[in-house]
PDB file of N, CA and C in Angstrom:
ATOM      1  N   MET A   1      10.251   3.325  -3.537  1.00  0.00           N
ATOM      2  CA  MET A   1       9.159   2.496  -3.999  1.00  0.00           C
ATOM      3  C   MET A   1       8.793   2.870  -5.440  1.00  0.00           C
ATOM      4  N   GLN A   2       8.212   1.925  -6.099  1.00  0.00           N
ATOM      5  CA  GLN A   2       7.848   2.079  -7.505  1.00  0.00           C
ATOM      6  C   GLN A   2       6.467   2.722  -7.597  1.00  0.00           C
ATOM      7  N   SER A   3       6.264   3.513  -8.612  1.00  0.00           N
ATOM      8  CA  SER A   3       4.947   4.080  -8.864  1.00  0.00           C
ATOM      9  C   SER A   3       4.703   4.129 -10.358  1.00  0.00           C
ATOM     10  N   SER A   4       3.558   3.595 -10.758  1.00  0.00           N
ATOM     11  CA  SER A   4       3.228   3.626 -12.182  1.00  0.00           C
ATOM     12  C   SER A   4       2.899   5.049 -12.631  1.00  0.00           C
ATOM     13  N   LYS A   5       2.733   5.961 -11.675  1.00  0.00           N
ATOM     14  CA  LYS A   5       2.407   7.344 -12.013  1.00  0.00           C
ATOM     15  C   LYS A   5       3.630   8.256 -11.987  1.00  0.00           C
ATOM     16  N   HIS A   6       4.812   7.678 -11.773  1.00  0.00           N
ATOM     17  CA  HIS A   6       6.025   8.499 -11.680  1.00  0.00           C
ATOM     18  C   HIS A   6       6.321   9.169 -13.024  1.00  0.00           C
ATOM     19  N   VAL A   7       6.617  10.471 -12.944  1.00  0.00           N
ATOM     20  CA  VAL A   7       6.961  11.252 -14.140  1.00  0.00           C
ATOM     21  C   VAL A   7       8.379  11.785 -13.966  1.00  0.00           C
ATOM     22  N   GLU A   8       9.187  11.627 -14.980  1.00  0.00           N
ATOM     23  CA  GLU A   8      10.578  12.094 -14.966  1.00  0.00           C
ATOM     24  C   GLU A   8      10.786  12.973 -16.192  1.00  0.00           C
ATOM     25  N   ASP A   9      11.140  14.229 -15.979  1.00  0.00           N
ATOM     26  CA  ASP A   9      11.347  15.187 -17.078  1.00  0.00           C
ATOM     27  C   ASP A   9      10.169  15.205 -18.049  1.00  0.00           C
ATOM     28  N   GLY A  10       8.962  15.158 -17.506  1.00  0.00           N
ATOM     29  CA  GLY A  10       7.762  15.223 -18.333  1.00  0.00           C
ATOM     30  C   GLY A  10       7.362  13.904 -18.987  1.00  0.00           C
ATOM     31  N   VAL A  11       8.135  12.851 -18.765  1.00  0.00           N
ATOM     32  CA  VAL A  11       7.849  11.545 -19.362  1.00  0.00           C
ATOM     33  C   VAL A  11       7.231  10.640 -18.296  1.00  0.00           C
ATOM     34  N   LYS A  12       6.157   9.945 -18.657  1.00  0.00           N
ATOM     35  CA  LYS A  12       5.497   9.024 -17.727  1.00  0.00           C
ATOM     36  C   LYS A  12       6.341   7.755 -17.597  1.00  0.00           C
ATOM     37  N   LEU A  13       7.404   7.870 -16.819  1.00  0.00           N
ATOM     38  CA  LEU A  13       8.380   6.792 -16.700  1.00  0.00           C
ATOM     39  C   LEU A  13       7.786   5.540 -16.055  1.00  0.00           C
ATOM     40  N   GLY A  14       6.949   5.719 -15.046  1.00  0.00           N
ATOM     41  CA  GLY A  14       6.328   4.570 -14.389  1.00  0.00           C
ATOM     42  C   GLY A  14       5.493   3.741 -15.355  1.00  0.00           C
ATOM     43  N   CYS A  15       4.728   4.395 -16.193  1.00  0.00           N
ATOM     44  CA  CYS A  15       3.915   3.692 -17.198  1.00  0.00           C
ATOM     45  C   CYS A  15       4.812   2.967 -18.195  1.00  0.00           C
ATOM     46  N   TRP A  16       5.885   3.629 -18.599  1.00  0.00           N
ATOM     47  CA  TRP A  16       6.810   3.037 -19.571  1.00  0.00           C
ATOM     48  C   TRP A  16       7.454   1.772 -19.001  1.00  0.00           C
ATOM     49  N   ILE A  17       7.879   1.830 -17.733  1.00  0.00           N
ATOM     50  CA  ILE A  17       8.495   0.654 -17.110  1.00  0.00           C
ATOM     51  C   ILE A  17       7.486  -0.486 -17.028  1.00  0.00           C
ATOM     52  N   ASN A  18       6.255  -0.179 -16.661  1.00  0.00           N
ATOM     53  CA  ASN A  18       5.224  -1.224 -16.609  1.00  0.00           C
ATOM     54  C   ASN A  18       4.997  -1.837 -17.993  1.00  0.00           C
ATOM     55  N   TYR A  19       5.044  -1.012 -19.023  1.00  0.00           N
ATOM     56  CA  TYR A  19       4.901  -1.513 -20.394  1.00  0.00           C
ATOM     57  C   TYR A  19       6.044  -2.477 -20.734  1.00  0.00           C
ATOM     58  N   GLN A  20       7.267  -2.129 -20.314  1.00  0.00           N
ATOM     59  CA  GLN A  20       8.419  -3.000 -20.575  1.00  0.00           C
ATOM     60  C   GLN A  20       8.251  -4.343 -19.864  1.00  0.00           C
ATOM     61  N   ARG A  21       7.751  -4.302 -18.630  1.00  0.00           N
ATOM     62  CA  ARG A  21       7.511  -5.535 -17.867  1.00  0.00           C
ATOM     63  C   ARG A  21       6.489  -6.420 -18.586  1.00  0.00           C
ATOM     64  N   LYS A  22       5.407  -5.807 -19.043  1.00  0.00           N
ATOM     65  CA  LYS A  22       4.368  -6.573 -19.750  1.00  0.00           C
ATOM     66  C   LYS A  22       4.902  -7.164 -21.052  1.00  0.00           C
ATOM     67  N   ALA A  23       5.685  -6.379 -21.775  1.00  0.00           N
ATOM     68  CA  ALA A  23       6.251  -6.862 -23.039  1.00  0.00           C
ATOM     69  C   ALA A  23       7.181  -8.045 -22.793  1.00  0.00           C
ATOM     70  N   LYS A  24       7.977  -7.978 -21.739  1.00  0.00           N
ATOM     71  CA  LYS A  24       8.876  -9.091 -21.424  1.00  0.00           C
ATOM     72  C   LYS A  24       8.068 -10.338 -21.077  1.00  0.00           C
ATOM     73  N   LYS A  25       7.028 -10.143 -20.275  1.00  0.00           N
ATOM     74  CA  LYS A  25       6.181 -11.272 -19.866  1.00  0.00           C
ATOM     75  C   LYS A  25       5.522 -11.938 -21.078  1.00  0.00           C
ATOM     76  N   LYS A  26       5.123 -11.131 -22.060  1.00  0.00           N
ATOM     77  CA  LYS A  26       4.506 -11.662 -23.285  1.00  0.00           C
ATOM     78  C   LYS A  26       5.533 -12.258 -24.241  1.00  0.00           C
ATOM     79  N   GLY A  27       6.808 -11.956 -23.998  1.00  0.00           N
ATOM     80  CA  GLY A  27       7.857 -12.433 -24.902  1.00  0.00           C
ATOM     81  C   GLY A  27       8.069 -11.534 -26.101  1.00  0.00           C
ATOM     82  N   THR A  28       7.609 -10.288 -26.031  1.00  0.00           N
ATOM     83  CA  THR A  28       7.726  -9.369 -27.170  1.00  0.00           C
ATOM     84  C   THR A  28       8.797  -8.295 -26.972  1.00  0.00           C
ATOM     85  N   LEU A  29       9.513  -8.350 -25.860  1.00  0.00           N
ATOM     86  CA  LEU A  29      10.573  -7.372 -25.621  1.00  0.00           C
ATOM     87  C   LEU A  29      11.881  -7.924 -26.180  1.00  0.00           C
ATOM     88  N   TYR A  30      12.542  -7.138 -27.005  1.00  0.00           N
ATOM     89  CA  TYR A  30      13.788  -7.569 -27.627  1.00  0.00           C
ATOM     90  C   TYR A  30      14.828  -7.945 -26.574  1.00  0.00           C
ATOM     91  N   PRO A  31      15.569  -9.030 -26.804  1.00  0.00           N
ATOM     92  CA  PRO A  31      16.601  -9.455 -25.854  1.00  0.00           C
ATOM     93  C   PRO A  31      17.621  -8.359 -25.520  1.00  0.00           C
ATOM     94  N   LYS A  32      17.988  -7.544 -26.505  1.00  0.00           N
ATOM     95  CA  LYS A  32      18.938  -6.450 -26.260  1.00  0.00           C
ATOM     96  C   LYS A  32      18.365  -5.451 -25.251  1.00  0.00           C
ATOM     97  N   ARG A  33      17.085  -5.210 -25.352  1.00  0.00           N
ATOM     98  CA  ARG A  33      16.450  -4.265 -24.429  1.00  0.00           C
ATOM     99  C   ARG A  33      16.359  -4.870 -23.026  1.00  0.00           C
ATOM    100  N   ILE A  34      16.093  -6.158 -22.969  1.00  0.00           N
ATOM    101  CA  ILE A  34      16.075  -6.846 -21.672  1.00  0.00           C
ATOM    102  C   ILE A  34      17.434  -6.696 -21.005  1.00  0.00           C
ATOM    103  N   THR A  35      18.488  -6.950 -21.757  1.00  0.00           N
ATOM    104  CA  THR A  35      19.848  -6.844 -21.232  1.00  0.00           C
ATOM    105  C   THR A  35      20.146  -5.432 -20.732  1.00  0.00           C
ATOM    106  N   ARG A  36      19.763  -4.452 -21.515  1.00  0.00           N
ATOM    107  CA  ARG A  36      20.016  -3.061 -21.128  1.00  0.00           C
ATOM    108  C   ARG A  36      19.274  -2.703 -19.843  1.00  0.00           C
ATOM    109  N   LEU A  37      18.022  -3.142 -19.740  1.00  0.00           N
ATOM    110  CA  LEU A  37      17.244  -2.864 -18.534  1.00  0.00           C
ATOM    111  C   LEU A  37      17.810  -3.613 -17.327  1.00  0.00           C
ATOM    112  N   GLU A  38      18.267  -4.842 -17.553  1.00  0.00           N
ATOM    113  CA  GLU A  38      18.834  -5.617 -16.452  1.00  0.00           C
ATOM    114  C   GLU A  38      20.135  -5.003 -15.951  1.00  0.00           C
ATOM    115  N   LYS A  39      20.873  -4.329 -16.813  1.00  0.00           N
ATOM    116  CA  LYS A  39      22.088  -3.634 -16.373  1.00  0.00           C
ATOM    117  C   LYS A  39      21.744  -2.502 -15.412  1.00  0.00           C
ATOM    118  N   LEU A  40      20.518  -2.008 -15.499  1.00  0.00           N
ATOM    119  CA  LEU A  40      20.031  -0.975 -14.573  1.00  0.00           C
ATOM    120  C   LEU A  40      19.347  -1.581 -13.350  1.00  0.00           C
ATOM    121  N   SER A  41      19.398  -2.906 -13.242  1.00  0.00           N
ATOM    122  CA  SER A  41      18.805  -3.644 -12.116  1.00  0.00           C
ATOM    123  C   SER A  41      17.280  -3.509 -12.054  1.00  0.00           C
ATOM    124  N   ILE A  42      16.642  -3.531 -13.224  1.00  0.00           N
ATOM    125  CA  ILE A  42      15.181  -3.476 -13.237  1.00  0.00           C
ATOM    126  C   ILE A  42      14.617  -4.678 -12.479  1.00  0.00           C
ATOM    127  N   VAL A  43      13.527  -4.451 -11.800  1.00  0.00           N
ATOM    128  CA  VAL A  43      12.823  -5.526 -11.104  1.00  0.00           C
ATOM    129  C   VAL A  43      11.681  -5.950 -12.011  1.00  0.00           C
ATOM    130  N   TRP A  44      11.737  -7.170 -12.513  1.00  0.00           N
ATOM    131  CA  TRP A  44      10.717  -7.629 -13.464  1.00  0.00           C
ATOM    132  C   TRP A  44       9.411  -7.957 -12.758  1.00  0.00           C
ATOM    133  N   ASP A  45       9.463  -8.627 -11.624  1.00  0.00           N
ATOM    134  CA  ASP A  45       8.245  -8.974 -10.887  1.00  0.00           C
ATOM    135  C   ASP A  45       8.193  -8.105  -9.644  1.00  0.00           C
ATOM    136  N   TYR A  46       7.601  -6.926  -9.794  1.00  0.00           N
ATOM    137  CA  TYR A  46       7.628  -5.955  -8.703  1.00  0.00           C
ATOM    138  C   TYR A  46       6.826  -6.422  -7.495  1.00  0.00           C
ATOM    139  N   LEU A  47       5.732  -7.128  -7.711  1.00  0.00           N
ATOM    140  CA  LEU A  47       4.935  -7.590  -6.569  1.00  0.00           C
ATOM    141  C   LEU A  47       5.729  -8.570  -5.701  1.00  0.00           C
ATOM    142  N   ALA A  48       6.457  -9.479  -6.339  1.00  0.00           N
ATOM    143  CA  ALA A  48       7.286 -10.425  -5.584  1.00  0.00           C
ATOM    144  C   ALA A  48       8.412  -9.676  -4.868  1.00  0.00           C
ATOM    145  N   TYR A  49       9.010  -8.715  -5.544  1.00  0.00           N
ATOM    146  CA  TYR A  49      10.075  -7.914  -4.953  1.00  0.00           C
ATOM    147  C   TYR A  49       9.563  -7.171  -3.718  1.00  0.00           C
ATOM    148  N   GLU A  50       8.399  -6.550  -3.867  1.00  0.00           N
ATOM    149  CA  GLU A  50       7.823  -5.773  -2.772  1.00  0.00           C
ATOM    150  C   GLU A  50       7.487  -6.671  -1.583  1.00  0.00           C
ATOM    151  N   TRP A  51       6.952  -7.870  -1.843  1.00  0.00           N
ATOM    152  CA  TRP A  51       6.625  -8.807  -0.764  1.00  0.00           C
ATOM    153  C   TRP A  51       7.900  -9.196  -0.016  1.00  0.00           C
ATOM    154  N   GLU A  52       8.960  -9.517  -0.758  1.00  0.00           N
ATOM    155  CA  GLU A  52      10.235  -9.902  -0.125  1.00  0.00           C
ATOM    156  C   GLU A  52      10.813  -8.754   0.705  1.00  0.00           C
ATOM    157  N   LEU A  53      10.699  -7.550   0.195  1.00  0.00           N
ATOM    158  CA  LEU A  53      11.177  -6.376   0.925  1.00  0.00           C
ATOM    159  C   LEU A  53      10.444  -6.241   2.255  1.00  0.00           C
ATOM    160  N   LYS A  54       9.135  -6.359   2.225  1.00  0.00           N
ATOM    161  CA  LYS A  54       8.339  -6.222   3.449  1.00  0.00           C
ATOM    162  C   LYS A  54       8.583  -7.396   4.396  1.00  0.00           C
ATOM    163  N   PHE A  55       8.775  -8.572   3.852  1.00  0.00           N
ATOM    164  CA  PHE A  55       9.096  -9.728   4.689  1.00  0.00           C
ATOM    165  C   PHE A  55      10.426  -9.498   5.409  1.00  0.00           C
ATOM    166  N   GLN A  56      11.408  -8.956   4.712  1.00  0.00           N
ATOM    167  CA  GLN A  56      12.705  -8.673   5.336  1.00  0.00           C
ATOM    168  C   GLN A  56      12.558  -7.637   6.442  1.00  0.00           C
ATOM    169  N   LEU A  57      11.721  -6.640   6.221  1.00  0.00           N
ATOM    170  CA  LEU A  57      11.460  -5.648   7.270  1.00  0.00           C
ATOM    171  C   LEU A  57      10.824  -6.308   8.490  1.00  0.00           C
ATOM    172  N   LEU A  58       9.927  -7.271   8.247  1.00  0.00           N
ATOM    173  CA  LEU A  58       9.309  -7.995   9.357  1.00  0.00           C
ATOM    174  C   LEU A  58      10.358  -8.830  10.101  1.00  0.00           C
ATOM    175  N   CYS A  59      11.279  -9.440   9.373  1.00  0.00           N
ATOM    176  CA  CYS A  59      12.375 -10.203  10.003  1.00  0.00           C
ATOM    177  C   CYS A  59      13.211  -9.286  10.890  1.00  0.00           C
ATOM    178  N   ASN A  60      13.509  -8.093  10.407  1.00  0.00           N
ATOM    179  CA  ASN A  60      14.273  -7.120  11.197  1.00  0.00           C
ATOM    180  C   ASN A  60      13.501  -6.714  12.447  1.00  0.00           C
ATOM    181  N   PHE A  61      12.202  -6.503  12.296  1.00  0.00           N
ATOM    182  CA  PHE A  61      11.338  -6.161  13.431  1.00  0.00           C
ATOM    183  C   PHE A  61      11.382  -7.288  14.462  1.00  0.00           C
ATOM    184  N   TYR A  62      11.274  -8.523  13.978  1.00  0.00           N
ATOM    185  CA  TYR A  62      11.313  -9.690  14.869  1.00  0.00           C
ATOM    186  C   TYR A  62      12.639  -9.761  15.639  1.00  0.00           C
ATOM    187  N   LYS A  63      13.736  -9.516  14.953  1.00  0.00           N
ATOM    188  CA  LYS A  63      15.054  -9.552  15.612  1.00  0.00           C
ATOM    189  C   LYS A  63      15.142  -8.515  16.733  1.00  0.00           C
ATOM    190  N   ARG A  64      14.526  -7.357  16.515  1.00  0.00           N
ATOM    191  CA  ARG A  64      14.558  -6.288  17.520  1.00  0.00           C
ATOM    192  C   ARG A  64      13.585  -6.529  18.661  1.00  0.00           C
ATOM    193  N   LYS A  65      12.371  -6.972  18.326  1.00  0.00           N
ATOM    194  CA  LYS A  65      11.286  -7.031  19.311  1.00  0.00           C
ATOM    195  C   LYS A  65      10.985  -8.435  19.829  1.00  0.00           C
ATOM    196  N   GLY A  66      11.398  -9.475  19.081  1.00  0.00           N
ATOM    197  CA  GLY A  66      11.141 -10.842  19.529  1.00  0.00           C
ATOM    198  C   GLY A  66       9.748 -11.355  19.192  1.00  0.00           C
ATOM    199  N   HIS A  67       9.008 -10.631  18.373  1.00  0.00           N
ATOM    200  CA  HIS A  67       7.679 -11.067  17.932  1.00  0.00           C
ATOM    201  C   HIS A  67       7.364 -10.456  16.575  1.00  0.00           C
ATOM    202  N   CYS A  68       6.315 -10.971  15.952  1.00  0.00           N
ATOM    203  CA  CYS A  68       5.898 -10.493  14.621  1.00  0.00           C
ATOM    204  C   CYS A  68       4.543  -9.799  14.692  1.00  0.00           C
ATOM    205  N   ASN A  69       4.354  -8.988  15.696  1.00  0.00           N
ATOM    206  CA  ASN A  69       3.082  -8.294  15.883  1.00  0.00           C
ATOM    207  C   ASN A  69       3.273  -6.780  15.932  1.00  0.00           C
ATOM    208  N   PRO A  70       3.724  -6.180  14.844  1.00  0.00           N
ATOM    209  CA  PRO A  70       3.853  -4.720  14.873  1.00  0.00           C
ATOM    210  C   PRO A  70       2.464  -4.086  14.970  1.00  0.00           C
ATOM    211  N   PRO A  71       2.355  -2.963  15.662  1.00  0.00           N
ATOM    212  CA  PRO A  71       1.063  -2.273  15.706  1.00  0.00           C
ATOM    213  C   PRO A  71       0.569  -1.993  14.285  1.00  0.00           C
ATOM    214  N   THR A  72      -0.722  -1.979  14.105  1.00  0.00           N
ATOM    215  CA  THR A  72      -1.314  -1.794  12.775  1.00  0.00           C
ATOM    216  C   THR A  72      -0.767  -0.567  12.054  1.00  0.00           C
ATOM    217  N   LEU A  73      -0.517   0.498  12.775  1.00  0.00           N
ATOM    218  CA  LEU A  73      -0.036   1.733  12.144  1.00  0.00           C
ATOM    219  C   LEU A  73       1.487   1.853  12.150  1.00  0.00           C
ATOM    220  N   HIS A  74       2.189   0.776  12.503  1.00  0.00           N
ATOM    221  CA  HIS A  74       3.655   0.818  12.579  1.00  0.00           C
ATOM    222  C   HIS A  74       4.271   1.009  11.190  1.00  0.00           C
ATOM    223  N   ILE A  75       5.223   1.932  11.123  1.00  0.00           N
ATOM    224  CA  ILE A  75       5.938   2.204   9.874  1.00  0.00           C
ATOM    225  C   ILE A  75       7.406   1.871  10.088  1.00  0.00           C
ATOM    226  N   GLU A  76       7.958   1.133   9.142  1.00  0.00           N
ATOM    227  CA  GLU A  76       9.357   0.708   9.190  1.00  0.00           C
ATOM    228  C   GLU A  76      10.001   1.124   7.873  1.00  0.00           C
ATOM    229  N   ASP A  77      11.029   1.947   7.931  1.00  0.00           N
ATOM    230  CA  ASP A  77      11.699   2.428   6.709  1.00  0.00           C
ATOM    231  C   ASP A  77      10.702   2.979   5.689  1.00  0.00           C
ATOM    232  N   GLU A  78       9.786   3.785   6.168  1.00  0.00           N
ATOM    233  CA  GLU A  78       8.758   4.437   5.344  1.00  0.00           C
ATOM    234  C   GLU A  78       7.754   3.464   4.720  1.00  0.00           C
ATOM    235  N   ILE A  79       7.705   2.222   5.213  1.00  0.00           N
ATOM    236  CA  ILE A  79       6.772   1.199   4.738  1.00  0.00           C
ATOM    237  C   ILE A  79       5.760   0.934   5.843  1.00  0.00           C
ATOM    238  N   LYS A  80       4.486   0.849   5.491  1.00  0.00           N
ATOM    239  CA  LYS A  80       3.433   0.566   6.469  1.00  0.00           C
ATOM    240  C   LYS A  80       3.443  -0.925   6.810  1.00  0.00           C
ATOM    241  N   LEU A  81       4.418  -1.318   7.631  1.00  0.00           N
ATOM    242  CA  LEU A  81       4.635  -2.724   7.946  1.00  0.00           C
ATOM    243  C   LEU A  81       3.469  -3.328   8.721  1.00  0.00           C
ATOM    244  N   GLY A  82       2.938  -2.597   9.695  1.00  0.00           N
ATOM    245  CA  GLY A  82       1.815  -3.116  10.483  1.00  0.00           C
ATOM    246  C   GLY A  82       0.615  -3.444   9.608  1.00  0.00           C
ATOM    247  N   GLY A  83       0.282  -2.560   8.691  1.00  0.00           N
ATOM    248  CA  GLY A  83      -0.836  -2.806   7.773  1.00  0.00           C
ATOM    249  C   GLY A  83      -0.576  -3.989   6.865  1.00  0.00           C
ATOM    250  N   TRP A  84       0.673  -4.139   6.425  1.00  0.00           N
ATOM    251  CA  TRP A  84       1.030  -5.276   5.567  1.00  0.00           C
ATOM    252  C   TRP A  84       0.836  -6.591   6.310  1.00  0.00           C
ATOM    253  N   VAL A  85       1.233  -6.636   7.582  1.00  0.00           N
ATOM    254  CA  VAL A  85       1.063  -7.857   8.377  1.00  0.00           C
ATOM    255  C   VAL A  85      -0.424  -8.183   8.523  1.00  0.00           C
ATOM    256  N   VAL A  86      -1.241  -7.169   8.766  1.00  0.00           N
ATOM    257  CA  VAL A  86      -2.696  -7.375   8.864  1.00  0.00           C
ATOM    258  C   VAL A  86      -3.225  -7.993   7.567  1.00  0.00           C
ATOM    259  N   ILE A  87      -2.797  -7.487   6.431  1.00  0.00           N
ATOM    260  CA  ILE A  87      -3.247  -8.006   5.126  1.00  0.00           C
ATOM    261  C   ILE A  87      -2.797  -9.454   4.947  1.00  0.00           C
ATOM    262  N   GLN A  88      -1.566  -9.777   5.343  1.00  0.00           N
ATOM    263  CA  GLN A  88      -1.075 -11.158   5.205  1.00  0.00           C
ATOM    264  C   GLN A  88      -1.917 -12.112   6.047  1.00  0.00           C
ATOM    265  N   ARG A  89      -2.288 -11.689   7.245  1.00  0.00           N
ATOM    266  CA  ARG A  89      -3.121 -12.532   8.114  1.00  0.00           C
ATOM    267  C   ARG A  89      -4.513 -12.722   7.517  1.00  0.00           C
ATOM    268  N   LYS A  90      -5.080 -11.659   6.950  1.00  0.00           N
ATOM    269  CA  LYS A  90      -6.400 -11.769   6.313  1.00  0.00           C
ATOM    270  C   LYS A  90      -6.348 -12.732   5.133  1.00  0.00           C
ATOM    271  N   LYS A  91      -5.277 -12.643   4.342  1.00  0.00           N
ATOM    272  CA  LYS A  91      -5.134 -13.546   3.196  1.00  0.00           C
ATOM    273  C   LYS A  91      -5.024 -14.990   3.662  1.00  0.00           C
ATOM    274  N   LYS A  92      -4.312 -15.224   4.744  1.00  0.00           N
ATOM    275  CA  LYS A  92      -4.162 -16.577   5.273  1.00  0.00           C
ATOM    276  C   LYS A  92      -5.509 -17.106   5.759  1.00  0.00           C
ATOM    277  N   ARG A  93      -6.267 -16.286   6.502  1.00  0.00           N
ATOM    278  CA  ARG A  93      -7.593 -16.715   6.981  1.00  0.00           C
ATOM    279  C   ARG A  93      -8.512 -17.032   5.813  1.00  0.00           C
ATOM    280  N   LYS A  94      -8.485 -16.208   4.776  1.00  0.00           N
ATOM    281  CA  LYS A  94      -9.318 -16.434   3.598  1.00  0.00           C
ATOM    282  C   LYS A  94      -8.925 -17.738   2.918  1.00  0.00           C
ATOM    283  N   GLU A  95      -7.614 -17.987   2.812  1.00  0.00           N
ATOM    284  CA  GLU A  95      -7.113 -19.222   2.204  1.00  0.00           C
ATOM    285  C   GLU A  95      -7.596 -20.435   2.996  1.00  0.00           C
ATOM    286  N   VAL A  96      -7.512 -20.381   4.314  1.00  0.00           N
ATOM    287  CA  VAL A  96      -7.960 -21.494   5.161  1.00  0.00           C
ATOM    288  C   VAL A  96      -9.467 -21.684   4.997  1.00  0.00           C
ATOM    289  N   TRP A  97     -10.227 -20.585   4.969  1.00  0.00           N
ATOM    290  CA  TRP A  97     -11.671 -20.670   4.829  1.00  0.00           C
ATOM    291  C   TRP A  97     -12.027 -21.327   3.497  1.00  0.00           C
ATOM    292  N   ILE A  98     -11.359 -20.928   2.411  1.00  0.00           N
ATOM    293  CA  ILE A  98     -11.641 -21.492   1.089  1.00  0.00           C
ATOM    294  C   ILE A  98     -11.325 -22.979   1.075  1.00  0.00           C
ATOM    295  N   LEU A  99     -10.229 -23.401   1.702  1.00  0.00           N
ATOM    296  CA  LEU A  99      -9.851 -24.808   1.734  1.00  0.00           C
ATOM    297  C   LEU A  99     -10.839 -25.648   2.533  1.00  0.00           C
ATOM    298  N   ASN A 100     -11.516 -25.041   3.503  1.00  0.00           N
ATOM    299  CA  ASN A 100     -12.456 -25.775   4.356  1.00  0.00           C
ATOM    300  C   ASN A 100     -13.882 -25.792   3.828  1.00  0.00           C
ATOM    301  N   VAL A 101     -14.148 -25.086   2.738  1.00  0.00           N
ATOM    302  CA  VAL A 101     -15.512 -25.034   2.190  1.00  0.00           C
ATOM    303  C   VAL A 101     -15.839 -26.303   1.453  1.00  0.00           C
TER     304      VAL A 101
END
């Protein structure tokens, strides 16, 4: 998993990667640097990547168990999958509530 607080050899690598992501989003990151980072398989939209990863874990859980109701404290591949499912349901309820106001 990614961490903005990750330090590698005394360098705040997590902060640096986040800076590169922001620069690319603003259009201020040089194309050569984008290419170099992409050769390392950088994930530009980490939130979307993380959501897809957790969704895939839920799909795997469903294939094994036949349902999408992992216990709240269930951990899958070191990911708190049960808590993530709870958050997704809360977001859906909030979305429905906002649409009905």
